[in-house]
Every structure is written in structure tokens, then in C-alpha cells.
Amino acid sequence: MLLRCFCILVLPAALAGCVATAVAGAAVAVVKAPFQVAGAAVDGLTTSQEEADRNAGKKARKEREAAEKAQKKADKAARKAADQDRDPSD
């Protein structure tokens, strides 16, 4: 009998804390959501200094590789022209 009264009186009060915590957590999530979305949008639209440096380095490396490739192609064409000048049998 005493246990039954205890369960009826004390347990609902104890569980109310759990429910209140869950409701408060949901309310905080609802309040934070617009700020998180806005922060993600700003982060996606802006470039950090690290990203800018990385992109500039990548661009410079690609330009250097393209210049090297063009130089090799020009050297190969010059060697081929020089070989044809030396060998008139072609």
C-alpha cells in the first residue's frame, strides 16, 4: 500500500523533470536552427584566407604545368625541324 502511494505521488514528479528537459532541449534546437542555417550559408558563400591561398597555389601550379607542357611541345617541334633540316632525304 505504501509502495503504491509512493509510485502514484513521487514518480510523476520525478518524470516531469525528464519531460521538461526534453521540451527545453527541443525549444533550444528550434531557436538555434535559423542561426545554424544562416551560418552555414555565410560559410558556403565566403572564402577563408586558407582556401584563397590554397586556390591561388593550385592555379599557379596549373599555369606552371601548362607552360612546361607548351615548352616541351615547342622543344620537340624545334628538334624535329632541326632533324629535317639536317637530313634532306625525307
N, C-alpha and C. Protein backbone atom coordinates (compact mmCIF):
# COMPACT_ATOMS: atom_id res chain seq x y z
N MET A 1 0.81 -1.18 0.00
CA MET A 1 0.00 0.00 0.00
C MET A 1 0.87 1.26 0.00
N LEU A 2 1.88 1.27 0.83
CA LEU A 2 2.77 2.42 0.91
C LEU A 2 3.55 2.57 -0.40
N LEU A 3 3.96 1.46 -0.97
CA LEU A 3 4.68 1.49 -2.24
C LEU A 3 3.81 2.04 -3.35
N ARG A 4 2.55 1.65 -3.34
CA ARG A 4 1.61 2.11 -4.35
C ARG A 4 1.41 3.64 -4.24
N CYS A 5 1.27 4.14 -3.04
CA CYS A 5 1.11 5.58 -2.83
C CYS A 5 2.38 6.32 -3.26
N PHE A 6 3.50 5.74 -2.94
CA PHE A 6 4.78 6.33 -3.33
C PHE A 6 4.87 6.45 -4.85
N CYS A 7 4.52 5.37 -5.53
CA CYS A 7 4.58 5.37 -7.00
C CYS A 7 3.62 6.38 -7.59
N ILE A 8 2.46 6.51 -7.03
CA ILE A 8 1.46 7.43 -7.55
C ILE A 8 1.86 8.88 -7.31
N LEU A 9 2.49 9.17 -6.19
CA LEU A 9 2.81 10.55 -5.83
C LEU A 9 4.19 11.01 -6.29
N VAL A 10 5.18 10.17 -6.19
CA VAL A 10 6.57 10.60 -6.43
C VAL A 10 7.01 10.40 -7.88
N LEU A 11 6.66 9.30 -8.48
CA LEU A 11 7.15 9.02 -9.84
C LEU A 11 6.71 10.06 -10.87
N PRO A 12 5.46 10.51 -10.87
CA PRO A 12 5.10 11.53 -11.86
C PRO A 12 5.93 12.81 -11.69
N ALA A 13 6.23 13.19 -10.45
CA ALA A 13 7.04 14.38 -10.21
C ALA A 13 8.47 14.16 -10.72
N ALA A 14 8.98 12.96 -10.53
CA ALA A 14 10.33 12.66 -10.99
C ALA A 14 10.40 12.63 -12.52
N LEU A 15 9.38 12.11 -13.15
CA LEU A 15 9.36 12.04 -14.61
C LEU A 15 9.11 13.40 -15.25
N ALA A 16 8.51 14.30 -14.52
CA ALA A 16 8.24 15.64 -15.06
C ALA A 16 9.56 16.34 -15.41
N GLY A 17 10.59 16.09 -14.65
CA GLY A 17 11.90 16.67 -14.95
C GLY A 17 12.43 16.18 -16.28
N CYS A 18 12.24 14.92 -16.58
CA CYS A 18 12.68 14.36 -17.86
C CYS A 18 11.91 14.98 -19.01
N VAL A 19 10.62 15.12 -18.85
CA VAL A 19 9.79 15.70 -19.90
C VAL A 19 10.16 17.17 -20.10
N ALA A 20 10.36 17.89 -19.00
CA ALA A 20 10.73 19.31 -19.11
C ALA A 20 12.07 19.47 -19.80
N THR A 21 13.00 18.59 -19.51
CA THR A 21 14.31 18.65 -20.15
C THR A 21 14.19 18.40 -21.65
N ALA A 22 13.38 17.44 -22.01
CA ALA A 22 13.19 17.13 -23.43
C ALA A 22 12.54 18.30 -24.15
N VAL A 23 11.55 18.92 -23.52
CA VAL A 23 10.87 20.05 -24.14
C VAL A 23 11.82 21.23 -24.26
N ALA A 24 12.61 21.47 -23.22
CA ALA A 24 13.56 22.58 -23.26
C ALA A 24 14.62 22.34 -24.34
N GLY A 25 15.08 21.11 -24.45
CA GLY A 25 16.06 20.78 -25.49
C GLY A 25 15.49 21.01 -26.88
N ALA A 26 14.24 20.65 -27.09
CA ALA A 26 13.60 20.86 -28.39
C ALA A 26 13.45 22.35 -28.67
N ALA A 27 13.10 23.12 -27.63
CA ALA A 27 12.94 24.56 -27.81
C ALA A 27 14.27 25.22 -28.17
N VAL A 28 15.33 24.80 -27.54
CA VAL A 28 16.65 25.35 -27.85
C VAL A 28 17.03 25.00 -29.29
N ALA A 29 16.74 23.79 -29.71
CA ALA A 29 17.06 23.38 -31.07
C ALA A 29 16.29 24.21 -32.09
N VAL A 30 15.03 24.51 -31.77
CA VAL A 30 14.21 25.31 -32.68
C VAL A 30 14.76 26.73 -32.77
N VAL A 31 15.21 27.28 -31.66
CA VAL A 31 15.75 28.64 -31.65
C VAL A 31 17.10 28.69 -32.36
N LYS A 32 17.92 27.68 -32.20
CA LYS A 32 19.26 27.68 -32.79
C LYS A 32 19.25 27.39 -34.29
N ALA A 33 18.24 26.70 -34.78
CA ALA A 33 18.22 26.25 -36.17
C ALA A 33 18.40 27.38 -37.18
N PRO A 34 17.66 28.49 -37.09
CA PRO A 34 17.85 29.54 -38.10
C PRO A 34 19.26 30.12 -38.11
N PHE A 35 19.87 30.22 -36.93
CA PHE A 35 21.23 30.75 -36.86
C PHE A 35 22.23 29.77 -37.47
N GLN A 36 21.99 28.49 -37.26
CA GLN A 36 22.89 27.49 -37.84
C GLN A 36 22.77 27.49 -39.36
N VAL A 37 21.55 27.61 -39.86
CA VAL A 37 21.34 27.65 -41.31
C VAL A 37 22.00 28.90 -41.90
N ALA A 38 21.81 30.03 -41.25
CA ALA A 38 22.41 31.28 -41.74
C ALA A 38 23.94 31.19 -41.69
N GLY A 39 24.47 30.61 -40.64
CA GLY A 39 25.93 30.46 -40.54
C GLY A 39 26.47 29.56 -41.63
N ALA A 40 25.76 28.48 -41.92
CA ALA A 40 26.21 27.58 -42.98
C ALA A 40 26.16 28.27 -44.34
N ALA A 41 25.12 29.10 -44.55
CA ALA A 41 25.01 29.82 -45.83
C ALA A 41 26.15 30.81 -45.98
N VAL A 42 26.46 31.55 -44.94
CA VAL A 42 27.55 32.52 -45.00
C VAL A 42 28.88 31.80 -45.21
N ASP A 43 29.06 30.69 -44.52
CA ASP A 43 30.31 29.93 -44.67
C ASP A 43 30.44 29.40 -46.09
N GLY A 44 29.34 29.00 -46.68
CA GLY A 44 29.39 28.48 -48.05
C GLY A 44 29.64 29.55 -49.08
N LEU A 45 29.24 30.78 -48.79
CA LEU A 45 29.39 31.87 -49.76
C LEU A 45 30.70 32.62 -49.63
N THR A 46 31.39 32.47 -48.52
CA THR A 46 32.63 33.19 -48.31
C THR A 46 33.82 32.25 -48.44
N THR A 47 34.97 32.83 -48.71
CA THR A 47 36.20 32.05 -48.84
C THR A 47 37.15 32.48 -47.73
N SER A 48 37.64 31.51 -46.98
CA SER A 48 38.59 31.84 -45.93
C SER A 48 39.96 32.13 -46.55
N GLN A 49 40.83 32.73 -45.77
CA GLN A 49 42.17 33.04 -46.27
C GLN A 49 42.91 31.76 -46.65
N GLU A 50 42.72 30.71 -45.85
CA GLU A 50 43.37 29.43 -46.15
C GLU A 50 42.89 28.88 -47.49
N GLU A 51 41.56 28.95 -47.73
CA GLU A 51 41.04 28.48 -49.01
C GLU A 51 41.54 29.32 -50.17
N ALA A 52 41.61 30.63 -49.97
CA ALA A 52 42.11 31.52 -51.02
C ALA A 52 43.57 31.20 -51.34
N ASP A 53 44.39 30.98 -50.32
CA ASP A 53 45.79 30.63 -50.54
C ASP A 53 45.92 29.31 -51.27
N ARG A 54 45.12 28.34 -50.87
CA ARG A 54 45.16 27.02 -51.50
C ARG A 54 44.75 27.13 -52.97
N ASN A 55 43.68 27.90 -53.24
CA ASN A 55 43.23 28.06 -54.62
C ASN A 55 44.27 28.79 -55.47
N ALA A 56 44.90 29.81 -54.90
CA ALA A 56 45.93 30.55 -55.64
C ALA A 56 47.12 29.63 -55.94
N GLY A 57 47.50 28.81 -54.99
CA GLY A 57 48.61 27.87 -55.22
C GLY A 57 48.27 26.86 -56.29
N LYS A 58 47.04 26.38 -56.26
CA LYS A 58 46.60 25.41 -57.27
C LYS A 58 46.60 26.04 -58.66
N LYS A 59 46.13 27.28 -58.75
CA LYS A 59 46.10 27.98 -60.03
C LYS A 59 47.52 28.20 -60.56
N ALA A 60 48.42 28.63 -59.69
CA ALA A 60 49.81 28.86 -60.10
C ALA A 60 50.46 27.56 -60.55
N ARG A 61 50.19 26.47 -59.85
CA ARG A 61 50.77 25.18 -60.22
C ARG A 61 50.25 24.73 -61.58
N LYS A 62 48.96 24.90 -61.84
CA LYS A 62 48.40 24.50 -63.13
C LYS A 62 48.97 25.36 -64.26
N GLU A 63 49.13 26.66 -64.02
CA GLU A 63 49.71 27.53 -65.04
C GLU A 63 51.16 27.13 -65.33
N ARG A 64 51.91 26.80 -64.28
CA ARG A 64 53.31 26.39 -64.46
C ARG A 64 53.37 25.08 -65.25
N GLU A 65 52.49 24.14 -64.92
CA GLU A 65 52.48 22.86 -65.63
C GLU A 65 52.10 23.06 -67.10
N ALA A 66 51.15 23.95 -67.36
CA ALA A 66 50.76 24.22 -68.75
C ALA A 66 51.91 24.87 -69.51
N ALA A 67 52.63 25.79 -68.87
CA ALA A 67 53.78 26.43 -69.51
C ALA A 67 54.88 25.41 -69.80
N GLU A 68 55.13 24.51 -68.85
CA GLU A 68 56.14 23.47 -69.06
C GLU A 68 55.75 22.55 -70.21
N LYS A 69 54.46 22.20 -70.28
CA LYS A 69 53.98 21.33 -71.35
C LYS A 69 54.13 22.03 -72.70
N ALA A 70 53.79 23.31 -72.76
CA ALA A 70 53.92 24.06 -74.01
C ALA A 70 55.39 24.17 -74.41
N GLN A 71 56.28 24.36 -73.43
CA GLN A 71 57.71 24.46 -73.71
C GLN A 71 58.25 23.14 -74.25
N LYS A 72 57.82 22.02 -73.65
CA LYS A 72 58.26 20.71 -74.15
C LYS A 72 57.78 20.48 -75.58
N LYS A 73 56.54 20.89 -75.84
CA LYS A 73 56.00 20.72 -77.18
C LYS A 73 56.78 21.57 -78.19
N ALA A 74 57.12 22.79 -77.81
CA ALA A 74 57.89 23.67 -78.69
C ALA A 74 59.30 23.11 -78.90
N ASP A 75 59.93 22.58 -77.85
CA ASP A 75 61.26 21.99 -77.97
C ASP A 75 61.23 20.78 -78.90
N LYS A 76 60.18 19.97 -78.78
CA LYS A 76 60.06 18.78 -79.62
C LYS A 76 59.89 19.19 -81.09
N ALA A 77 59.08 20.22 -81.33
CA ALA A 77 58.88 20.70 -82.70
C ALA A 77 60.18 21.28 -83.25
N ALA A 78 60.95 21.97 -82.43
CA ALA A 78 62.22 22.55 -82.88
C ALA A 78 63.22 21.45 -83.20
N ARG A 79 63.27 20.41 -82.36
CA ARG A 79 64.18 19.29 -82.66
C ARG A 79 63.79 18.59 -83.94
N LYS A 80 62.49 18.42 -84.14
CA LYS A 80 62.01 17.75 -85.35
C LYS A 80 62.36 18.58 -86.59
N ALA A 81 62.21 19.89 -86.50
CA ALA A 81 62.56 20.77 -87.63
C ALA A 81 64.06 20.75 -87.89
N ALA A 82 64.86 20.72 -86.81
CA ALA A 82 66.31 20.67 -86.97
C ALA A 82 66.73 19.34 -87.58
N ASP A 83 66.09 18.26 -87.22
CA ASP A 83 66.43 16.95 -87.78
C ASP A 83 66.07 16.92 -89.28
N GLN A 84 64.98 17.52 -89.64
CA GLN A 84 64.58 17.53 -91.07
C GLN A 84 65.53 18.41 -91.88
N ASP A 85 66.05 19.47 -91.28
CA ASP A 85 67.00 20.32 -91.98
C ASP A 85 68.32 19.59 -92.23
N ARG A 86 68.75 18.76 -91.28
CA ARG A 86 70.00 18.03 -91.42
C ARG A 86 69.87 16.85 -92.37
N ASP A 87 68.70 16.26 -92.44
CA ASP A 87 68.51 15.04 -93.25
C ASP A 87 67.61 15.39 -94.44
N PRO A 88 68.19 15.76 -95.57
CA PRO A 88 67.38 16.17 -96.74
C PRO A 88 66.75 14.97 -97.46
N SER A 89 67.01 13.75 -97.06
CA SER A 89 66.47 12.59 -97.77
C SER A 89 64.98 12.40 -97.54
N ASP A 90 64.41 13.06 -96.54
CA ASP A 90 62.96 12.91 -96.27
C ASP A 90 62.13 13.53 -97.31
